[in-house]
Amino acid sequence: MDYASRKNENTDHNRHYKMAITIGFIAFATLIFCFVGQPATVLVVVGAINGFILPIALGISCWWPPARPRSWGQATTTPLG
C-alpha cells in the first residue's frame, strides 16, 4: 500500500476509536492495580508471563512457513519440512 491510499486512514472515527481503546486499557489496568493492591507484584507476574510468551511467539514466527512463496518465485522451506 502506498502513501496515497493510506493518507485518509486517520479519519475522525479512527482517532476516536483508538482513543476509546487507549482510555479503556488504562482504566482496566488501573482497576487491576486497585483490586490487587500491590502494583509491583502485578508487574512482576505480568513480566514473568511475558517472559514465557515472547520466546514462544518468536519460535513460532521463525518456524512457521510464510503464507505465500517469496517474490522471486521459489517456495520457502523450513527445518520442519
Protein backbone atom coordinates (compact mmCIF):
# COMPACT_ATOMS: atom_id res chain seq x y z
CA MET A 1 0.00 0.00 0.00
CA ASP A 2 1.41 3.37 -0.89
CA TYR A 3 1.09 6.69 0.88
CA ALA A 4 -1.74 8.00 -1.30
CA SER A 5 -4.03 5.12 -0.38
CA ARG A 6 -3.23 5.36 3.34
CA LYS A 7 -3.31 9.12 3.88
CA ASN A 8 -7.03 9.10 4.70
CA GLU A 9 -6.65 6.30 7.21
CA ASN A 10 -6.63 8.63 10.23
CA THR A 11 -10.18 9.82 10.00
CA ASP A 12 -12.04 11.22 13.00
CA HIS A 13 -13.77 7.88 13.52
CA ASN A 14 -10.44 6.01 13.68
CA ARG A 15 -8.96 8.60 16.03
CA HIS A 16 -11.94 8.42 18.39
CA TYR A 17 -11.90 4.62 18.27
CA LYS A 18 -8.19 4.45 19.09
CA MET A 19 -8.62 6.99 21.89
CA ALA A 20 -11.50 4.97 23.38
CA ILE A 21 -9.43 1.77 23.26
CA THR A 22 -6.50 3.54 24.95
CA ILE A 23 -8.69 5.00 27.69
CA GLY A 24 -10.34 1.61 28.23
CA PHE A 25 -6.97 -0.11 28.56
CA ILE A 26 -5.73 2.46 31.06
CA ALA A 27 -8.95 2.14 33.09
CA PHE A 28 -8.70 -1.67 33.04
CA ALA A 29 -5.06 -1.60 34.20
CA THR A 30 -5.94 0.89 36.94
CA LEU A 31 -8.76 -1.33 38.19
CA ILE A 32 -6.47 -4.35 38.32
CA PHE A 33 -3.89 -2.36 40.29
CA CYS A 34 -6.61 -1.17 42.70
CA PHE A 35 -8.07 -4.64 43.27
CA VAL A 36 -4.75 -6.40 43.74
CA GLY A 37 -3.34 -3.60 45.85
CA GLN A 38 0.31 -4.33 45.05
CA PRO A 39 1.33 -2.86 41.69
CA ALA A 40 4.88 -4.22 41.99
CA THR A 41 3.58 -7.78 42.39
CA VAL A 42 1.30 -7.39 39.37
CA LEU A 43 4.18 -6.06 37.27
CA VAL A 44 6.46 -8.94 38.29
CA VAL A 45 3.79 -11.54 37.46
CA VAL A 46 2.96 -9.92 34.12
CA GLY A 47 6.67 -9.68 33.32
CA ALA A 48 7.11 -13.37 34.06
CA ILE A 49 4.19 -14.26 31.79
CA ASN A 50 5.64 -12.02 29.10
CA GLY A 51 8.99 -13.78 29.52
CA PHE A 52 7.31 -17.05 28.51
CA ILE A 53 5.13 -15.65 25.72
CA LEU A 54 7.86 -13.79 23.81
CA PRO A 55 10.20 -16.78 23.21
CA ILE A 56 7.25 -18.96 22.22
CA ALA A 57 5.99 -16.34 19.75
CA LEU A 58 9.50 -15.86 18.35
CA GLY A 59 9.92 -19.60 17.92
CA ILE A 60 6.59 -19.93 16.13
CA SER A 61 7.35 -16.99 13.84
CA CYS A 62 10.75 -18.45 12.93
CA TRP A 63 9.46 -21.95 12.21
CA TRP A 64 6.07 -21.17 10.66
CA PRO A 65 6.21 -21.19 6.84
CA PRO A 66 5.11 -18.00 5.10
CA ALA A 67 1.64 -17.83 3.60
CA ARG A 68 2.92 -17.39 0.06
CA PRO A 69 6.12 -18.07 -1.86
CA ARG A 70 8.85 -15.47 -1.96
CA SER A 71 8.74 -12.77 -4.58
CA TRP A 72 11.26 -14.46 -6.88
CA GLY A 73 9.01 -17.49 -7.24
CA GLN A 74 10.71 -20.01 -5.01
CA ALA A 75 8.74 -21.73 -2.33
CA THR A 76 10.30 -21.40 1.09
CA THR A 77 11.20 -24.34 3.24
CA THR A 78 11.57 -24.60 6.98
CA PRO A 79 13.62 -27.02 9.07
CA LEU A 80 10.36 -28.83 9.83
CA GLY A 81 9.91 -29.75 6.20
